Amino acid sequence: KPAREHVLQLDLGSVGITDLGTFHP
């Protein structure tokens, strides 16, 4: 809750970014 007023959001799909990557060991 204390962080919510500072956090921004952006839908990457709305700007055409669909390759969201993969975490590999």
PDBML (XML) file of the C-alpha atoms, coordinates in Angstrom:
<?xml version="1.0" encoding="UTF-8" ?>
<PDBx:datablock datablockName="MODEL"
   xmlns:PDBx="http://pdbml.pdb.org/schema/pdbx-v50.xsd"
   xmlns:xsi="http://www.w3.org/2001/XMLSchema-instance"
   xsi:schemaLocation="http://pdbml.pdb.org/schema/pdbx-v50.xsd pdbx-v50.xsd">
   <PDBx:atom_siteCategory>
      <PDBx:atom_site id="1">
         <PDBx:B_iso_or_equiv>0.00</PDBx:B_iso_or_equiv>
         <PDBx:Cartn_x>0.000</PDBx:Cartn_x>
         <PDBx:Cartn_y>0.000</PDBx:Cartn_y>
         <PDBx:Cartn_z>0.000</PDBx:Cartn_z>
         <PDBx:auth_asym_id>A</PDBx:auth_asym_id>
         <PDBx:auth_atom_id>CA</PDBx:auth_atom_id>
         <PDBx:auth_comp_id>LYS</PDBx:auth_comp_id>
         <PDBx:auth_seq_id>1</PDBx:auth_seq_id>
         <PDBx:group_PDB>ATOM</PDBx:group_PDB>
         <PDBx:label_alt_id xsi:nil="true" />
         <PDBx:label_asym_id>A</PDBx:label_asym_id>
         <PDBx:label_atom_id>CA</PDBx:label_atom_id>
         <PDBx:label_comp_id>LYS</PDBx:label_comp_id>
         <PDBx:label_entity_id>1</PDBx:label_entity_id>
         <PDBx:label_seq_id>1</PDBx:label_seq_id>
         <PDBx:occupancy>1.00</PDBx:occupancy>
         <PDBx:pdbx_PDB_model_num>1</PDBx:pdbx_PDB_model_num>
         <PDBx:type_symbol>C</PDBx:type_symbol>
      </PDBx:atom_site>
      <PDBx:atom_site id="2">
         <PDBx:B_iso_or_equiv>0.00</PDBx:B_iso_or_equiv>
         <PDBx:Cartn_x>2.696</PDBx:Cartn_x>
         <PDBx:Cartn_y>2.645</PDBx:Cartn_y>
         <PDBx:Cartn_z>0.773</PDBx:Cartn_z>
         <PDBx:auth_asym_id>A</PDBx:auth_asym_id>
         <PDBx:auth_atom_id>CA</PDBx:auth_atom_id>
         <PDBx:auth_comp_id>PRO</PDBx:auth_comp_id>
         <PDBx:auth_seq_id>2</PDBx:auth_seq_id>
         <PDBx:group_PDB>ATOM</PDBx:group_PDB>
         <PDBx:label_alt_id xsi:nil="true" />
         <PDBx:label_asym_id>A</PDBx:label_asym_id>
         <PDBx:label_atom_id>CA</PDBx:label_atom_id>
         <PDBx:label_comp_id>PRO</PDBx:label_comp_id>
         <PDBx:label_entity_id>1</PDBx:label_entity_id>
         <PDBx:label_seq_id>2</PDBx:label_seq_id>
         <PDBx:occupancy>1.00</PDBx:occupancy>
         <PDBx:pdbx_PDB_model_num>1</PDBx:pdbx_PDB_model_num>
         <PDBx:type_symbol>C</PDBx:type_symbol>
      </PDBx:atom_site>
      <PDBx:atom_site id="3">
         <PDBx:B_iso_or_equiv>0.00</PDBx:B_iso_or_equiv>
         <PDBx:Cartn_x>4.177</PDBx:Cartn_x>
         <PDBx:Cartn_y>2.151</PDBx:Cartn_y>
         <PDBx:Cartn_z>-2.704</PDBx:Cartn_z>
         <PDBx:auth_asym_id>A</PDBx:auth_asym_id>
         <PDBx:auth_atom_id>CA</PDBx:auth_atom_id>
         <PDBx:auth_comp_id>ALA</PDBx:auth_comp_id>
         <PDBx:auth_seq_id>3</PDBx:auth_seq_id>
         <PDBx:group_PDB>ATOM</PDBx:group_PDB>
         <PDBx:label_alt_id xsi:nil="true" />
         <PDBx:label_asym_id>A</PDBx:label_asym_id>
         <PDBx:label_atom_id>CA</PDBx:label_atom_id>
         <PDBx:label_comp_id>ALA</PDBx:label_comp_id>
         <PDBx:label_entity_id>1</PDBx:label_entity_id>
         <PDBx:label_seq_id>3</PDBx:label_seq_id>
         <PDBx:occupancy>1.00</PDBx:occupancy>
         <PDBx:pdbx_PDB_model_num>1</PDBx:pdbx_PDB_model_num>
         <PDBx:type_symbol>C</PDBx:type_symbol>
      </PDBx:atom_site>
      <PDBx:atom_site id="4">
         <PDBx:B_iso_or_equiv>0.00</PDBx:B_iso_or_equiv>
         <PDBx:Cartn_x>0.970</PDBx:Cartn_x>
         <PDBx:Cartn_y>2.360</PDBx:Cartn_y>
         <PDBx:Cartn_z>-4.750</PDBx:Cartn_z>
         <PDBx:auth_asym_id>A</PDBx:auth_asym_id>
         <PDBx:auth_atom_id>CA</PDBx:auth_atom_id>
         <PDBx:auth_comp_id>ARG</PDBx:auth_comp_id>
         <PDBx:auth_seq_id>4</PDBx:auth_seq_id>
         <PDBx:group_PDB>ATOM</PDBx:group_PDB>
         <PDBx:label_alt_id xsi:nil="true" />
         <PDBx:label_asym_id>A</PDBx:label_asym_id>
         <PDBx:label_atom_id>CA</PDBx:label_atom_id>
         <PDBx:label_comp_id>ARG</PDBx:label_comp_id>
         <PDBx:label_entity_id>1</PDBx:label_entity_id>
         <PDBx:label_seq_id>4</PDBx:label_seq_id>
         <PDBx:occupancy>1.00</PDBx:occupancy>
         <PDBx:pdbx_PDB_model_num>1</PDBx:pdbx_PDB_model_num>
         <PDBx:type_symbol>C</PDBx:type_symbol>
      </PDBx:atom_site>
      <PDBx:atom_site id="5">
         <PDBx:B_iso_or_equiv>0.00</PDBx:B_iso_or_equiv>
         <PDBx:Cartn_x>0.942</PDBx:Cartn_x>
         <PDBx:Cartn_y>6.130</PDBx:Cartn_y>
         <PDBx:Cartn_z>-5.114</PDBx:Cartn_z>
         <PDBx:auth_asym_id>A</PDBx:auth_asym_id>
         <PDBx:auth_atom_id>CA</PDBx:auth_atom_id>
         <PDBx:auth_comp_id>GLU</PDBx:auth_comp_id>
         <PDBx:auth_seq_id>5</PDBx:auth_seq_id>
         <PDBx:group_PDB>ATOM</PDBx:group_PDB>
         <PDBx:label_alt_id xsi:nil="true" />
         <PDBx:label_asym_id>A</PDBx:label_asym_id>
         <PDBx:label_atom_id>CA</PDBx:label_atom_id>
         <PDBx:label_comp_id>GLU</PDBx:label_comp_id>
         <PDBx:label_entity_id>1</PDBx:label_entity_id>
         <PDBx:label_seq_id>5</PDBx:label_seq_id>
         <PDBx:occupancy>1.00</PDBx:occupancy>
         <PDBx:pdbx_PDB_model_num>1</PDBx:pdbx_PDB_model_num>
         <PDBx:type_symbol>C</PDBx:type_symbol>
      </PDBx:atom_site>
      <PDBx:atom_site id="6">
         <PDBx:B_iso_or_equiv>0.00</PDBx:B_iso_or_equiv>
         <PDBx:Cartn_x>4.444</PDBx:Cartn_x>
         <PDBx:Cartn_y>5.992</PDBx:Cartn_y>
         <PDBx:Cartn_z>-6.651</PDBx:Cartn_z>
         <PDBx:auth_asym_id>A</PDBx:auth_asym_id>
         <PDBx:auth_atom_id>CA</PDBx:auth_atom_id>
         <PDBx:auth_comp_id>HIS</PDBx:auth_comp_id>
         <PDBx:auth_seq_id>6</PDBx:auth_seq_id>
         <PDBx:group_PDB>ATOM</PDBx:group_PDB>
         <PDBx:label_alt_id xsi:nil="true" />
         <PDBx:label_asym_id>A</PDBx:label_asym_id>
         <PDBx:label_atom_id>CA</PDBx:label_atom_id>
         <PDBx:label_comp_id>HIS</PDBx:label_comp_id>
         <PDBx:label_entity_id>1</PDBx:label_entity_id>
         <PDBx:label_seq_id>6</PDBx:label_seq_id>
         <PDBx:occupancy>1.00</PDBx:occupancy>
         <PDBx:pdbx_PDB_model_num>1</PDBx:pdbx_PDB_model_num>
         <PDBx:type_symbol>C</PDBx:type_symbol>
      </PDBx:atom_site>
      <PDBx:atom_site id="7">
         <PDBx:B_iso_or_equiv>0.00</PDBx:B_iso_or_equiv>
         <PDBx:Cartn_x>3.945</PDBx:Cartn_x>
         <PDBx:Cartn_y>3.085</PDBx:Cartn_y>
         <PDBx:Cartn_z>-9.050</PDBx:Cartn_z>
         <PDBx:auth_asym_id>A</PDBx:auth_asym_id>
         <PDBx:auth_atom_id>CA</PDBx:auth_atom_id>
         <PDBx:auth_comp_id>VAL</PDBx:auth_comp_id>
         <PDBx:auth_seq_id>7</PDBx:auth_seq_id>
         <PDBx:group_PDB>ATOM</PDBx:group_PDB>
         <PDBx:label_alt_id xsi:nil="true" />
         <PDBx:label_asym_id>A</PDBx:label_asym_id>
         <PDBx:label_atom_id>CA</PDBx:label_atom_id>
         <PDBx:label_comp_id>VAL</PDBx:label_comp_id>
         <PDBx:label_entity_id>1</PDBx:label_entity_id>
         <PDBx:label_seq_id>7</PDBx:label_seq_id>
         <PDBx:occupancy>1.00</PDBx:occupancy>
         <PDBx:pdbx_PDB_model_num>1</PDBx:pdbx_PDB_model_num>
         <PDBx:type_symbol>C</PDBx:type_symbol>
      </PDBx:atom_site>
      <PDBx:atom_site id="8">
         <PDBx:B_iso_or_equiv>0.00</PDBx:B_iso_or_equiv>
         <PDBx:Cartn_x>2.979</PDBx:Cartn_x>
         <PDBx:Cartn_y>3.678</PDBx:Cartn_y>
         <PDBx:Cartn_z>-12.671</PDBx:Cartn_z>
         <PDBx:auth_asym_id>A</PDBx:auth_asym_id>
         <PDBx:auth_atom_id>CA</PDBx:auth_atom_id>
         <PDBx:auth_comp_id>LEU</PDBx:auth_comp_id>
         <PDBx:auth_seq_id>8</PDBx:auth_seq_id>
         <PDBx:group_PDB>ATOM</PDBx:group_PDB>
         <PDBx:label_alt_id xsi:nil="true" />
         <PDBx:label_asym_id>A</PDBx:label_asym_id>
         <PDBx:label_atom_id>CA</PDBx:label_atom_id>
         <PDBx:label_comp_id>LEU</PDBx:label_comp_id>
         <PDBx:label_entity_id>1</PDBx:label_entity_id>
         <PDBx:label_seq_id>8</PDBx:label_seq_id>
         <PDBx:occupancy>1.00</PDBx:occupancy>
         <PDBx:pdbx_PDB_model_num>1</PDBx:pdbx_PDB_model_num>
         <PDBx:type_symbol>C</PDBx:type_symbol>
      </PDBx:atom_site>
      <PDBx:atom_site id="9">
         <PDBx:B_iso_or_equiv>0.00</PDBx:B_iso_or_equiv>
         <PDBx:Cartn_x>1.587</PDBx:Cartn_x>
         <PDBx:Cartn_y>1.152</PDBx:Cartn_y>
         <PDBx:Cartn_z>-15.130</PDBx:Cartn_z>
         <PDBx:auth_asym_id>A</PDBx:auth_asym_id>
         <PDBx:auth_atom_id>CA</PDBx:auth_atom_id>
         <PDBx:auth_comp_id>GLN</PDBx:auth_comp_id>
         <PDBx:auth_seq_id>9</PDBx:auth_seq_id>
         <PDBx:group_PDB>ATOM</PDBx:group_PDB>
         <PDBx:label_alt_id xsi:nil="true" />
         <PDBx:label_asym_id>A</PDBx:label_asym_id>
         <PDBx:label_atom_id>CA</PDBx:label_atom_id>
         <PDBx:label_comp_id>GLN</PDBx:label_comp_id>
         <PDBx:label_entity_id>1</PDBx:label_entity_id>
         <PDBx:label_seq_id>9</PDBx:label_seq_id>
         <PDBx:occupancy>1.00</PDBx:occupancy>
         <PDBx:pdbx_PDB_model_num>1</PDBx:pdbx_PDB_model_num>
         <PDBx:type_symbol>C</PDBx:type_symbol>
      </PDBx:atom_site>
      <PDBx:atom_site id="10">
         <PDBx:B_iso_or_equiv>0.00</PDBx:B_iso_or_equiv>
         <PDBx:Cartn_x>1.740</PDBx:Cartn_x>
         <PDBx:Cartn_y>0.534</PDBx:Cartn_y>
         <PDBx:Cartn_z>-18.871</PDBx:Cartn_z>
         <PDBx:auth_asym_id>A</PDBx:auth_asym_id>
         <PDBx:auth_atom_id>CA</PDBx:auth_atom_id>
         <PDBx:auth_comp_id>LEU</PDBx:auth_comp_id>
         <PDBx:auth_seq_id>10</PDBx:auth_seq_id>
         <PDBx:group_PDB>ATOM</PDBx:group_PDB>
         <PDBx:label_alt_id xsi:nil="true" />
         <PDBx:label_asym_id>A</PDBx:label_asym_id>
         <PDBx:label_atom_id>CA</PDBx:label_atom_id>
         <PDBx:label_comp_id>LEU</PDBx:label_comp_id>
         <PDBx:label_entity_id>1</PDBx:label_entity_id>
         <PDBx:label_seq_id>10</PDBx:label_seq_id>
         <PDBx:occupancy>1.00</PDBx:occupancy>
         <PDBx:pdbx_PDB_model_num>1</PDBx:pdbx_PDB_model_num>
         <PDBx:type_symbol>C</PDBx:type_symbol>
      </PDBx:atom_site>
      <PDBx:atom_site id="11">
         <PDBx:B_iso_or_equiv>0.00</PDBx:B_iso_or_equiv>
         <PDBx:Cartn_x>0.107</PDBx:Cartn_x>
         <PDBx:Cartn_y>-2.226</PDBx:Cartn_y>
         <PDBx:Cartn_z>-20.912</PDBx:Cartn_z>
         <PDBx:auth_asym_id>A</PDBx:auth_asym_id>
         <PDBx:auth_atom_id>CA</PDBx:auth_atom_id>
         <PDBx:auth_comp_id>ASP</PDBx:auth_comp_id>
         <PDBx:auth_seq_id>11</PDBx:auth_seq_id>
         <PDBx:group_PDB>ATOM</PDBx:group_PDB>
         <PDBx:label_alt_id xsi:nil="true" />
         <PDBx:label_asym_id>A</PDBx:label_asym_id>
         <PDBx:label_atom_id>CA</PDBx:label_atom_id>
         <PDBx:label_comp_id>ASP</PDBx:label_comp_id>
         <PDBx:label_entity_id>1</PDBx:label_entity_id>
         <PDBx:label_seq_id>11</PDBx:label_seq_id>
         <PDBx:occupancy>1.00</PDBx:occupancy>
         <PDBx:pdbx_PDB_model_num>1</PDBx:pdbx_PDB_model_num>
         <PDBx:type_symbol>C</PDBx:type_symbol>
      </PDBx:atom_site>
      <PDBx:atom_site id="12">
         <PDBx:B_iso_or_equiv>0.00</PDBx:B_iso_or_equiv>
         <PDBx:Cartn_x>2.893</PDBx:Cartn_x>
         <PDBx:Cartn_y>-3.411</PDBx:Cartn_y>
         <PDBx:Cartn_z>-23.211</PDBx:Cartn_z>
         <PDBx:auth_asym_id>A</PDBx:auth_asym_id>
         <PDBx:auth_atom_id>CA</PDBx:auth_atom_id>
         <PDBx:auth_comp_id>LEU</PDBx:auth_comp_id>
         <PDBx:auth_seq_id>12</PDBx:auth_seq_id>
         <PDBx:group_PDB>ATOM</PDBx:group_PDB>
         <PDBx:label_alt_id xsi:nil="true" />
         <PDBx:label_asym_id>A</PDBx:label_asym_id>
         <PDBx:label_atom_id>CA</PDBx:label_atom_id>
         <PDBx:label_comp_id>LEU</PDBx:label_comp_id>
         <PDBx:label_entity_id>1</PDBx:label_entity_id>
         <PDBx:label_seq_id>12</PDBx:label_seq_id>
         <PDBx:occupancy>1.00</PDBx:occupancy>
         <PDBx:pdbx_PDB_model_num>1</PDBx:pdbx_PDB_model_num>
         <PDBx:type_symbol>C</PDBx:type_symbol>
      </PDBx:atom_site>
      <PDBx:atom_site id="13">
         <PDBx:B_iso_or_equiv>0.00</PDBx:B_iso_or_equiv>
         <PDBx:Cartn_x>0.354</PDBx:Cartn_x>
         <PDBx:Cartn_y>-5.085</PDBx:Cartn_y>
         <PDBx:Cartn_z>-25.473</PDBx:Cartn_z>
         <PDBx:auth_asym_id>A</PDBx:auth_asym_id>
         <PDBx:auth_atom_id>CA</PDBx:auth_atom_id>
         <PDBx:auth_comp_id>GLY</PDBx:auth_comp_id>
         <PDBx:auth_seq_id>13</PDBx:auth_seq_id>
         <PDBx:group_PDB>ATOM</PDBx:group_PDB>
         <PDBx:label_alt_id xsi:nil="true" />
         <PDBx:label_asym_id>A</PDBx:label_asym_id>
         <PDBx:label_atom_id>CA</PDBx:label_atom_id>
         <PDBx:label_comp_id>GLY</PDBx:label_comp_id>
         <PDBx:label_entity_id>1</PDBx:label_entity_id>
         <PDBx:label_seq_id>13</PDBx:label_seq_id>
         <PDBx:occupancy>1.00</PDBx:occupancy>
         <PDBx:pdbx_PDB_model_num>1</PDBx:pdbx_PDB_model_num>
         <PDBx:type_symbol>C</PDBx:type_symbol>
      </PDBx:atom_site>
      <PDBx:atom_site id="14">
         <PDBx:B_iso_or_equiv>0.00</PDBx:B_iso_or_equiv>
         <PDBx:Cartn_x>-1.285</PDBx:Cartn_x>
         <PDBx:Cartn_y>-1.721</PDBx:Cartn_y>
         <PDBx:Cartn_z>-26.106</PDBx:Cartn_z>
         <PDBx:auth_asym_id>A</PDBx:auth_asym_id>
         <PDBx:auth_atom_id>CA</PDBx:auth_atom_id>
         <PDBx:auth_comp_id>SER</PDBx:auth_comp_id>
         <PDBx:auth_seq_id>14</PDBx:auth_seq_id>
         <PDBx:group_PDB>ATOM</PDBx:group_PDB>
         <PDBx:label_alt_id xsi:nil="true" />
         <PDBx:label_asym_id>A</PDBx:label_asym_id>
         <PDBx:label_atom_id>CA</PDBx:label_atom_id>
         <PDBx:label_comp_id>SER</PDBx:label_comp_id>
         <PDBx:label_entity_id>1</PDBx:label_entity_id>
         <PDBx:label_seq_id>14</PDBx:label_seq_id>
         <PDBx:occupancy>1.00</PDBx:occupancy>
         <PDBx:pdbx_PDB_model_num>1</PDBx:pdbx_PDB_model_num>
         <PDBx:type_symbol>C</PDBx:type_symbol>
      </PDBx:atom_site>
      <PDBx:atom_site id="15">
         <PDBx:B_iso_or_equiv>0.00</PDBx:B_iso_or_equiv>
         <PDBx:Cartn_x>1.997</PDBx:Cartn_x>
         <PDBx:Cartn_y>-0.402</PDBx:Cartn_y>
         <PDBx:Cartn_z>-27.568</PDBx:Cartn_z>
         <PDBx:auth_asym_id>A</PDBx:auth_asym_id>
         <PDBx:auth_atom_id>CA</PDBx:auth_atom_id>
         <PDBx:auth_comp_id>VAL</PDBx:auth_comp_id>
         <PDBx:auth_seq_id>15</PDBx:auth_seq_id>
         <PDBx:group_PDB>ATOM</PDBx:group_PDB>
         <PDBx:label_alt_id xsi:nil="true" />
         <PDBx:label_asym_id>A</PDBx:label_asym_id>
         <PDBx:label_atom_id>CA</PDBx:label_atom_id>
         <PDBx:label_comp_id>VAL</PDBx:label_comp_id>
         <PDBx:label_entity_id>1</PDBx:label_entity_id>
         <PDBx:label_seq_id>15</PDBx:label_seq_id>
         <PDBx:occupancy>1.00</PDBx:occupancy>
         <PDBx:pdbx_PDB_model_num>1</PDBx:pdbx_PDB_model_num>
         <PDBx:type_symbol>C</PDBx:type_symbol>
      </PDBx:atom_site>
      <PDBx:atom_site id="16">
         <PDBx:B_iso_or_equiv>0.00</PDBx:B_iso_or_equiv>
         <PDBx:Cartn_x>2.581</PDBx:Cartn_x>
         <PDBx:Cartn_y>-3.468</PDBx:Cartn_y>
         <PDBx:Cartn_z>-29.719</PDBx:Cartn_z>
         <PDBx:auth_asym_id>A</PDBx:auth_asym_id>
         <PDBx:auth_atom_id>CA</PDBx:auth_atom_id>
         <PDBx:auth_comp_id>GLY</PDBx:auth_comp_id>
         <PDBx:auth_seq_id>16</PDBx:auth_seq_id>
         <PDBx:group_PDB>ATOM</PDBx:group_PDB>
         <PDBx:label_alt_id xsi:nil="true" />
         <PDBx:label_asym_id>A</PDBx:label_asym_id>
         <PDBx:label_atom_id>CA</PDBx:label_atom_id>
         <PDBx:label_comp_id>GLY</PDBx:label_comp_id>
         <PDBx:label_entity_id>1</PDBx:label_entity_id>
         <PDBx:label_seq_id>16</PDBx:label_seq_id>
         <PDBx:occupancy>1.00</PDBx:occupancy>
         <PDBx:pdbx_PDB_model_num>1</PDBx:pdbx_PDB_model_num>
         <PDBx:type_symbol>C</PDBx:type_symbol>
      </PDBx:atom_site>
      <PDBx:atom_site id="17">
         <PDBx:B_iso_or_equiv>0.00</PDBx:B_iso_or_equiv>
         <PDBx:Cartn_x>5.049</PDBx:Cartn_x>
         <PDBx:Cartn_y>-5.360</PDBx:Cartn_y>
         <PDBx:Cartn_z>-27.521</PDBx:Cartn_z>
         <PDBx:auth_asym_id>A</PDBx:auth_asym_id>
         <PDBx:auth_atom_id>CA</PDBx:auth_atom_id>
         <PDBx:auth_comp_id>ILE</PDBx:auth_comp_id>
         <PDBx:auth_seq_id>17</PDBx:auth_seq_id>
         <PDBx:group_PDB>ATOM</PDBx:group_PDB>
         <PDBx:label_alt_id xsi:nil="true" />
         <PDBx:label_asym_id>A</PDBx:label_asym_id>
         <PDBx:label_atom_id>CA</PDBx:label_atom_id>
         <PDBx:label_comp_id>ILE</PDBx:label_comp_id>
         <PDBx:label_entity_id>1</PDBx:label_entity_id>
         <PDBx:label_seq_id>17</PDBx:label_seq_id>
         <PDBx:occupancy>1.00</PDBx:occupancy>
         <PDBx:pdbx_PDB_model_num>1</PDBx:pdbx_PDB_model_num>
         <PDBx:type_symbol>C</PDBx:type_symbol>
      </PDBx:atom_site>
      <PDBx:atom_site id="18">
         <PDBx:B_iso_or_equiv>0.00</PDBx:B_iso_or_equiv>
         <PDBx:Cartn_x>4.082</PDBx:Cartn_x>
         <PDBx:Cartn_y>-9.015</PDBx:Cartn_y>
         <PDBx:Cartn_z>-27.386</PDBx:Cartn_z>
         <PDBx:auth_asym_id>A</PDBx:auth_asym_id>
         <PDBx:auth_atom_id>CA</PDBx:auth_atom_id>
         <PDBx:auth_comp_id>THR</PDBx:auth_comp_id>
         <PDBx:auth_seq_id>18</PDBx:auth_seq_id>
         <PDBx:group_PDB>ATOM</PDBx:group_PDB>
         <PDBx:label_alt_id xsi:nil="true" />
         <PDBx:label_asym_id>A</PDBx:label_asym_id>
         <PDBx:label_atom_id>CA</PDBx:label_atom_id>
         <PDBx:label_comp_id>THR</PDBx:label_comp_id>
         <PDBx:label_entity_id>1</PDBx:label_entity_id>
         <PDBx:label_seq_id>18</PDBx:label_seq_id>
         <PDBx:occupancy>1.00</PDBx:occupancy>
         <PDBx:pdbx_PDB_model_num>1</PDBx:pdbx_PDB_model_num>
         <PDBx:type_symbol>C</PDBx:type_symbol>
      </PDBx:atom_site>
      <PDBx:atom_site id="19">
         <PDBx:B_iso_or_equiv>0.00</PDBx:B_iso_or_equiv>
         <PDBx:Cartn_x>7.425</PDBx:Cartn_x>
         <PDBx:Cartn_y>-10.771</PDBx:Cartn_y>
         <PDBx:Cartn_z>-26.794</PDBx:Cartn_z>
         <PDBx:auth_asym_id>A</PDBx:auth_asym_id>
         <PDBx:auth_atom_id>CA</PDBx:auth_atom_id>
         <PDBx:auth_comp_id>ASP</PDBx:auth_comp_id>
         <PDBx:auth_seq_id>19</PDBx:auth_seq_id>
         <PDBx:group_PDB>ATOM</PDBx:group_PDB>
         <PDBx:label_alt_id xsi:nil="true" />
         <PDBx:label_asym_id>A</PDBx:label_asym_id>
         <PDBx:label_atom_id>CA</PDBx:label_atom_id>
         <PDBx:label_comp_id>ASP</PDBx:label_comp_id>
         <PDBx:label_entity_id>1</PDBx:label_entity_id>
         <PDBx:label_seq_id>19</PDBx:label_seq_id>
         <PDBx:occupancy>1.00</PDBx:occupancy>
         <PDBx:pdbx_PDB_model_num>1</PDBx:pdbx_PDB_model_num>
         <PDBx:type_symbol>C</PDBx:type_symbol>
      </PDBx:atom_site>
      <PDBx:atom_site id="20">
         <PDBx:B_iso_or_equiv>0.00</PDBx:B_iso_or_equiv>
         <PDBx:Cartn_x>7.572</PDBx:Cartn_x>
         <PDBx:Cartn_y>-10.546</PDBx:Cartn_y>
         <PDBx:Cartn_z>-23.023</PDBx:Cartn_z>
         <PDBx:auth_asym_id>A</PDBx:auth_asym_id>
         <PDBx:auth_atom_id>CA</PDBx:auth_atom_id>
         <PDBx:auth_comp_id>LEU</PDBx:auth_comp_id>
         <PDBx:auth_seq_id>20</PDBx:auth_seq_id>
         <PDBx:group_PDB>ATOM</PDBx:group_PDB>
         <PDBx:label_alt_id xsi:nil="true" />
         <PDBx:label_asym_id>A</PDBx:label_asym_id>
         <PDBx:label_atom_id>CA</PDBx:label_atom_id>
         <PDBx:label_comp_id>LEU</PDBx:label_comp_id>
         <PDBx:label_entity_id>1</PDBx:label_entity_id>
         <PDBx:label_seq_id>20</PDBx:label_seq_id>
         <PDBx:occupancy>1.00</PDBx:occupancy>
         <PDBx:pdbx_PDB_model_num>1</PDBx:pdbx_PDB_model_num>
         <PDBx:type_symbol>C</PDBx:type_symbol>
      </PDBx:atom_site>
      <PDBx:atom_site id="21">
         <PDBx:B_iso_or_equiv>0.00</PDBx:B_iso_or_equiv>
         <PDBx:Cartn_x>10.724</PDBx:Cartn_x>
         <PDBx:Cartn_y>-12.612</PDBx:Cartn_y>
         <PDBx:Cartn_z>-22.687</PDBx:Cartn_z>
         <PDBx:auth_asym_id>A</PDBx:auth_asym_id>
         <PDBx:auth_atom_id>CA</PDBx:auth_atom_id>
         <PDBx:auth_comp_id>GLY</PDBx:auth_comp_id>
         <PDBx:auth_seq_id>21</PDBx:auth_seq_id>
         <PDBx:group_PDB>ATOM</PDBx:group_PDB>
         <PDBx:label_alt_id xsi:nil="true" />
         <PDBx:label_asym_id>A</PDBx:label_asym_id>
         <PDBx:label_atom_id>CA</PDBx:label_atom_id>
         <PDBx:label_comp_id>GLY</PDBx:label_comp_id>
         <PDBx:label_entity_id>1</PDBx:label_entity_id>
         <PDBx:label_seq_id>21</PDBx:label_seq_id>
         <PDBx:occupancy>1.00</PDBx:occupancy>
         <PDBx:pdbx_PDB_model_num>1</PDBx:pdbx_PDB_model_num>
         <PDBx:type_symbol>C</PDBx:type_symbol>
      </PDBx:atom_site>
      <PDBx:atom_site id="22">
         <PDBx:B_iso_or_equiv>0.00</PDBx:B_iso_or_equiv>
         <PDBx:Cartn_x>11.668</PDBx:Cartn_x>
         <PDBx:Cartn_y>-15.747</PDBx:Cartn_y>
         <PDBx:Cartn_z>-20.788</PDBx:Cartn_z>
         <PDBx:auth_asym_id>A</PDBx:auth_asym_id>
         <PDBx:auth_atom_id>CA</PDBx:auth_atom_id>
         <PDBx:auth_comp_id>THR</PDBx:auth_comp_id>
         <PDBx:auth_seq_id>22</PDBx:auth_seq_id>
         <PDBx:group_PDB>ATOM</PDBx:group_PDB>
         <PDBx:label_alt_id xsi:nil="true" />
         <PDBx:label_asym_id>A</PDBx:label_asym_id>
         <PDBx:label_atom_id>CA</PDBx:label_atom_id>
         <PDBx:label_comp_id>THR</PDBx:label_comp_id>
         <PDBx:label_entity_id>1</PDBx:label_entity_id>
         <PDBx:label_seq_id>22</PDBx:label_seq_id>
         <PDBx:occupancy>1.00</PDBx:occupancy>
         <PDBx:pdbx_PDB_model_num>1</PDBx:pdbx_PDB_model_num>
         <PDBx:type_symbol>C</PDBx:type_symbol>
      </PDBx:atom_site>
      <PDBx:atom_site id="23">
         <PDBx:B_iso_or_equiv>0.00</PDBx:B_iso_or_equiv>
         <PDBx:Cartn_x>13.604</PDBx:Cartn_x>
         <PDBx:Cartn_y>-16.267</PDBx:Cartn_y>
         <PDBx:Cartn_z>-17.584</PDBx:Cartn_z>
         <PDBx:auth_asym_id>A</PDBx:auth_asym_id>
         <PDBx:auth_atom_id>CA</PDBx:auth_atom_id>
         <PDBx:auth_comp_id>PHE</PDBx:auth_comp_id>
         <PDBx:auth_seq_id>23</PDBx:auth_seq_id>
         <PDBx:group_PDB>ATOM</PDBx:group_PDB>
         <PDBx:label_alt_id xsi:nil="true" />
         <PDBx:label_asym_id>A</PDBx:label_asym_id>
         <PDBx:label_atom_id>CA</PDBx:label_atom_id>
         <PDBx:label_comp_id>PHE</PDBx:label_comp_id>
         <PDBx:label_entity_id>1</PDBx:label_entity_id>
         <PDBx:label_seq_id>23</PDBx:label_seq_id>
         <PDBx:occupancy>1.00</PDBx:occupancy>
         <PDBx:pdbx_PDB_model_num>1</PDBx:pdbx_PDB_model_num>
         <PDBx:type_symbol>C</PDBx:type_symbol>
      </PDBx:atom_site>
      <PDBx:atom_site id="24">
         <PDBx:B_iso_or_equiv>0.00</PDBx:B_iso_or_equiv>
         <PDBx:Cartn_x>16.323</PDBx:Cartn_x>
         <PDBx:Cartn_y>-18.851</PDBx:Cartn_y>
         <PDBx:Cartn_z>-18.219</PDBx:Cartn_z>
         <PDBx:auth_asym_id>A</PDBx:auth_asym_id>
         <PDBx:auth_atom_id>CA</PDBx:auth_atom_id>
         <PDBx:auth_comp_id>HIS</PDBx:auth_comp_id>
         <PDBx:auth_seq_id>24</PDBx:auth_seq_id>
         <PDBx:group_PDB>ATOM</PDBx:group_PDB>
         <PDBx:label_alt_id xsi:nil="true" />
         <PDBx:label_asym_id>A</PDBx:label_asym_id>
         <PDBx:label_atom_id>CA</PDBx:label_atom_id>
         <PDBx:label_comp_id>HIS</PDBx:label_comp_id>
         <PDBx:label_entity_id>1</PDBx:label_entity_id>
         <PDBx:label_seq_id>24</PDBx:label_seq_id>
         <PDBx:occupancy>1.00</PDBx:occupancy>
         <PDBx:pdbx_PDB_model_num>1</PDBx:pdbx_PDB_model_num>
         <PDBx:type_symbol>C</PDBx:type_symbol>
      </PDBx:atom_site>
      <PDBx:atom_site id="25">
         <PDBx:B_iso_or_equiv>0.00</PDBx:B_iso_or_equiv>
         <PDBx:Cartn_x>18.552</PDBx:Cartn_x>
         <PDBx:Cartn_y>-20.444</PDBx:Cartn_y>
         <PDBx:Cartn_z>-15.577</PDBx:Cartn_z>
         <PDBx:auth_asym_id>A</PDBx:auth_asym_id>
         <PDBx:auth_atom_id>CA</PDBx:auth_atom_id>
         <PDBx:auth_comp_id>PRO</PDBx:auth_comp_id>
         <PDBx:auth_seq_id>25</PDBx:auth_seq_id>
         <PDBx:group_PDB>ATOM</PDBx:group_PDB>
         <PDBx:label_alt_id xsi:nil="true" />
         <PDBx:label_asym_id>A</PDBx:label_asym_id>
         <PDBx:label_atom_id>CA</PDBx:label_atom_id>
         <PDBx:label_comp_id>PRO</PDBx:label_comp_id>
         <PDBx:label_entity_id>1</PDBx:label_entity_id>
         <PDBx:label_seq_id>25</PDBx:label_seq_id>
         <PDBx:occupancy>1.00</PDBx:occupancy>
         <PDBx:pdbx_PDB_model_num>1</PDBx:pdbx_PDB_model_num>
         <PDBx:type_symbol>C</PDBx:type_symbol>
      </PDBx:atom_site>
   </PDBx:atom_siteCategory>
</PDBx:datablock>
